[in-house]
N, C-alpha and C. Protein backbone atom coordinates (compact mmCIF):
# COMPACT_ATOMS: atom_id res chain seq x y z
N MET A 1 -18.04 4.11 1.03
CA MET A 1 -16.85 2.87 0.57
C MET A 1 -16.06 3.25 0.96
N LYS A 2 -15.27 2.21 1.45
CA LYS A 2 -13.63 2.36 1.50
C LYS A 2 -12.82 2.43 0.21
N LYS A 3 -11.86 2.99 -0.02
CA LYS A 3 -10.83 3.16 -0.97
C LYS A 3 -9.64 2.41 -0.44
N ASN A 4 -9.20 1.76 -1.54
CA ASN A 4 -8.03 0.91 -1.09
C ASN A 4 -6.81 1.57 -1.97
N LYS A 5 -5.68 2.02 -0.94
CA LYS A 5 -4.73 2.65 -1.60
C LYS A 5 -4.23 1.56 -2.62
N ARG A 6 -3.69 1.70 -4.12
CA ARG A 6 -3.18 1.26 -5.06
C ARG A 6 -1.74 1.81 -5.45
N SER A 7 -1.02 0.99 -5.86
CA SER A 7 0.23 1.51 -6.36
C SER A 7 0.71 0.59 -7.55
N LEU A 8 1.58 1.42 -8.59
CA LEU A 8 2.04 0.48 -9.79
C LEU A 8 3.23 -0.31 -9.48
N SER A 9 2.93 -1.48 -9.90
CA SER A 9 4.24 -2.62 -9.82
C SER A 9 5.12 -2.24 -10.75
N SER A 10 6.25 -2.98 -10.48
CA SER A 10 7.49 -2.97 -11.49
C SER A 10 7.07 -3.09 -12.86
N VAL A 11 5.88 -4.35 -13.20
CA VAL A 11 5.38 -4.41 -14.18
C VAL A 11 4.79 -3.00 -15.10
N GLY A 12 3.96 -2.41 -14.26
CA GLY A 12 3.68 -1.17 -14.73
C GLY A 12 2.05 -1.30 -14.62
N SER A 13 1.61 -2.71 -15.58
CA SER A 13 -0.19 -2.34 -15.70
C SER A 13 -0.66 -2.99 -14.08
N GLU A 14 0.09 -4.00 -13.42
CA GLU A 14 -0.30 -4.68 -12.64
C GLU A 14 -0.40 -3.62 -11.31
N HIS A 15 -1.79 -3.50 -10.64
CA HIS A 15 -1.84 -2.90 -9.14
C HIS A 15 -1.58 -3.80 -8.08
N LEU A 16 -0.95 -3.26 -7.11
CA LEU A 16 -0.88 -3.95 -5.80
C LEU A 16 -1.93 -3.10 -4.85
N VAL A 17 -2.34 -3.89 -4.09
CA VAL A 17 -3.15 -3.22 -2.75
C VAL A 17 -2.42 -3.39 -1.39
N TYR A 18 -1.95 -2.05 -0.66
CA TYR A 18 -1.41 -2.38 0.39
C TYR A 18 -2.27 -2.75 1.61
N THR A 19 -2.05 -3.90 2.34
CA THR A 19 -2.99 -4.25 3.56
C THR A 19 -2.36 -3.98 4.62
N GLN A 20 -0.88 -3.76 4.83
CA GLN A 20 -0.53 -3.49 6.10
C GLN A 20 0.35 -2.11 6.13
N LYS A 21 0.36 -1.50 7.22
CA LYS A 21 0.77 -0.67 7.37
C LYS A 21 2.34 -0.58 7.13
N VAL A 22 3.04 0.34 6.75
CA VAL A 22 4.78 0.38 6.20
C VAL A 22 5.04 1.42 6.90
N ALA A 23 6.29 1.25 7.75
CA ALA A 23 6.80 1.96 8.53
C ALA A 23 7.75 3.29 7.59
N GLY A 24 7.81 4.12 8.15
CA GLY A 24 8.41 5.35 7.26
C GLY A 24 10.01 4.65 7.22
N SER A 25 10.63 5.46 6.20
CA SER A 25 12.46 5.08 6.10
C SER A 25 12.88 5.74 7.09
N ASN A 26 12.35 6.62 8.45
CA ASN A 26 13.27 6.77 9.48
C ASN A 26 12.93 6.37 10.75
N PRO A 27 13.85 5.49 10.90
CA PRO A 27 13.68 4.61 12.05
C PRO A 27 13.78 5.31 13.45
N ALA A 28 14.37 6.46 13.29
CA ALA A 28 14.47 7.28 14.84
C ALA A 28 12.80 7.30 15.44
N GLY A 29 12.04 7.35 14.93
CA GLY A 29 10.45 7.59 15.14
C GLY A 29 10.26 6.76 16.21
N THR A 30 10.26 5.46 15.48
CA THR A 30 10.08 4.17 16.36
C THR A 30 10.89 3.95 17.20
N THR A 31 12.13 4.25 17.64
CA THR A 31 13.00 4.06 18.27
C THR A 31 12.55 5.24 19.50
N TYR A 32 12.16 6.23 19.41
CA TYR A 32 12.07 7.06 20.05
C TYR A 32 10.66 6.93 20.80
N THR A 33 9.55 6.40 19.78
CA THR A 33 8.43 5.87 20.69
C THR A 33 8.51 4.83 21.40
N ARG A 34 9.35 3.96 21.18
CA ARG A 34 9.42 2.69 21.84
C ARG A 34 10.10 2.84 23.31
N PHE A 35 11.42 4.06 23.22
CA PHE A 35 11.78 4.26 24.31
C PHE A 35 10.97 5.10 25.54
N TRP A 36 9.96 6.00 24.73
CA TRP A 36 9.00 6.94 25.47
C TRP A 36 8.15 5.86 26.42
N LYS A 37 7.65 5.14 25.55
CA LYS A 37 6.93 3.85 26.26
C LYS A 37 7.71 3.36 27.19
N LEU A 38 8.59 3.20 26.97
CA LEU A 38 9.55 2.01 28.48
C LEU A 38 9.63 3.20 29.54
N TRP A 39 9.93 4.43 29.19
CA TRP A 39 10.68 5.28 30.27
C TRP A 39 9.12 5.50 30.95
N ALA A 40 7.56 5.77 30.18
CA ALA A 40 6.64 5.98 30.72
C ALA A 40 6.11 4.85 31.71
N LYS A 41 6.47 3.52 31.53
CA LYS A 41 5.91 2.50 32.28
C LYS A 41 7.25 2.37 33.11
N SER A 42 8.02 3.00 33.21
CA SER A 42 8.83 2.90 34.56
C SER A 42 8.73 3.57 35.28
N LEU A 43 8.06 4.80 34.80
CA LEU A 43 7.56 5.92 36.07
C LEU A 43 6.53 5.69 36.58
N GLY A 44 5.74 4.52 36.21
CA GLY A 44 4.46 4.32 36.73
C GLY A 44 3.34 3.95 36.41
N THR A 45 2.09 3.88 37.02
CA THR A 45 0.75 3.85 35.93
C THR A 45 0.77 4.42 35.28
N LYS A 46 -0.23 4.46 34.24
CA LYS A 46 -0.64 5.44 33.19
C LYS A 46 -1.84 6.39 34.29
N ALA A 47 -1.43 7.65 34.34
CA ALA A 47 -2.71 8.65 34.80
C ALA A 47 -3.93 8.56 34.37
N ASN A 48 -3.88 8.32 33.04
CA ASN A 48 -5.53 8.20 32.52
C ASN A 48 -5.59 7.30 31.13
N GLU A 49 -6.30 6.17 31.46
CA GLU A 49 -6.25 5.10 30.89
C GLU A 49 -7.00 5.17 29.34
N LYS A 50 -8.14 6.03 29.51
CA LYS A 50 -8.56 6.47 28.12
C LYS A 50 -7.88 7.72 27.24
N ASP A 51 -7.14 8.76 27.61
CA ASP A 51 -6.38 9.76 26.96
C ASP A 51 -4.99 9.63 27.18
N ASN A 52 -4.37 9.13 26.14
CA ASN A 52 -2.78 9.31 26.14
C ASN A 52 -1.94 10.41 26.39
N LYS A 53 -2.71 11.49 25.70
CA LYS A 53 -2.10 12.97 25.67
C LYS A 53 -2.02 13.17 27.17
N ILE A 54 -3.34 13.07 27.95
CA ILE A 54 -3.04 13.39 29.42
C ILE A 54 -1.60 12.50 30.17
N SER A 55 -1.95 11.22 29.80
CA SER A 55 -0.76 10.35 30.29
C SER A 55 0.53 10.66 29.69
N ASP A 56 0.90 11.65 28.62
CA ASP A 56 2.15 11.61 28.37
C ASP A 56 2.74 12.91 29.04
N LYS A 57 1.42 13.90 29.13
CA LYS A 57 1.92 15.06 29.94
C LYS A 57 2.62 14.57 31.30
N VAL A 58 1.60 14.03 32.20
CA VAL A 58 1.91 13.54 33.38
C VAL A 58 3.26 12.58 33.26
N ALA A 59 3.45 11.80 31.95
CA ALA A 59 5.03 11.26 32.31
C ALA A 59 6.15 12.34 32.14
N PHE A 60 5.97 13.49 31.28
CA PHE A 60 6.97 14.25 31.28
C PHE A 60 6.64 15.09 32.53
N ILE A 61 5.86 15.10 33.29
CA ILE A 61 6.16 16.03 34.74
C ILE A 61 6.73 15.27 35.53
N ARG A 62 6.75 14.29 35.53
CA ARG A 62 7.37 12.99 36.55
C ARG A 62 8.87 12.75 36.01
N THR A 63 8.77 13.24 34.82
CA THR A 63 10.46 13.18 34.09
C THR A 63 11.32 14.15 34.85
N LEU A 64 10.53 15.35 34.94
CA LEU A 64 10.96 16.56 35.46
C LEU A 64 11.39 16.51 36.70
N LEU A 65 10.40 15.95 37.60
CA LEU A 65 10.48 15.60 38.98
C LEU A 65 11.79 14.78 39.26
N ILE A 66 12.11 13.77 38.41
CA ILE A 66 13.26 12.75 38.74
C ILE A 66 14.46 13.52 38.16
N LEU A 67 14.62 14.25 37.12
CA LEU A 67 15.60 14.87 36.66
C LEU A 67 16.16 15.83 37.83
N GLN A 68 14.95 16.66 38.18
CA GLN A 68 15.34 17.78 39.43
C GLN A 68 15.95 16.98 40.49
N ALA A 69 15.60 15.79 40.77
CA ALA A 69 16.18 15.04 42.04
C ALA A 69 17.65 14.55 41.84
N VAL A 70 17.32 14.05 40.30
CA VAL A 70 18.99 13.62 40.07
C VAL A 70 20.04 14.55 40.27
N ILE A 71 19.87 15.58 39.48
CA ILE A 71 20.65 16.98 39.47
C ILE A 71 20.92 17.62 41.00
N THR A 72 20.02 17.40 41.77
CA THR A 72 20.47 17.60 43.43
C THR A 72 21.06 17.13 43.98
N ASN A 73 21.15 15.53 43.75
CA ASN A 73 22.01 14.59 44.43
C ASN A 73 23.06 14.55 44.02
N LEU A 74 23.41 14.85 42.69
CA LEU A 74 24.51 15.10 42.18
C LEU A 74 25.44 16.33 42.69
N LEU A 75 24.67 17.61 42.47
CA LEU A 75 25.55 18.63 43.35
C LEU A 75 25.79 18.56 44.80
N ILE A 76 24.92 17.85 45.73
CA ILE A 76 25.49 17.34 46.62
C ILE A 76 26.50 16.62 46.77
N VAL A 77 26.60 15.76 45.94
CA VAL A 77 27.66 14.87 46.15
C VAL A 77 29.15 15.55 45.87
N LEU A 78 28.84 16.49 44.48
CA LEU A 78 30.17 17.56 44.08
C LEU A 78 30.70 18.31 45.46
N ASN A 79 29.59 18.67 46.23
CA ASN A 79 30.03 19.44 46.94
C ASN A 79 30.58 18.70 48.25
N ILE A 80 30.05 17.71 48.63
CA ILE A 80 30.97 16.93 49.51
C ILE A 80 32.36 16.64 49.27
N ILE A 81 32.36 16.12 47.89
CA ILE A 81 33.88 15.72 47.36
C ILE A 81 34.85 16.88 47.31
N LYS A 82 34.07 18.02 46.94
CA LYS A 82 35.12 19.43 46.91
C LYS A 82 35.52 19.88 48.17
N ASN A 83 34.57 19.67 49.45
CA ASN A 83 35.02 20.23 50.70
C ASN A 83 35.52 19.07 51.60
N TRP A 84 35.97 17.52 51.35
CA TRP A 84 36.36 16.50 51.79
C TRP A 84 37.65 17.12 52.29
C-alpha cells in the first residue's frame, strides 16, 4: 500500500496531500544540474544510454581532455607573445 505524505495546513486540522515534487530551497543544485546536462550534451553523444553514472564519468573525462587542450593552447599563445 502506498503512503501519502501529509502535512498540517495553517488551519491545523485539515490535511494536505502533496502530489507534486517540491524543489529544495537551494536553487544552486538545479542550476548545477542544468549546466552539467548542457555541458554533457555539448561534449557529444551519451556514452551509455542506460546508465547515467557511466555517462557522467565519460563526460568528466572528456571535460578533462578539453581543459588540457585549452591550457596547452593558452601556454603556446603566451610563449609566442612573450618571445615576439
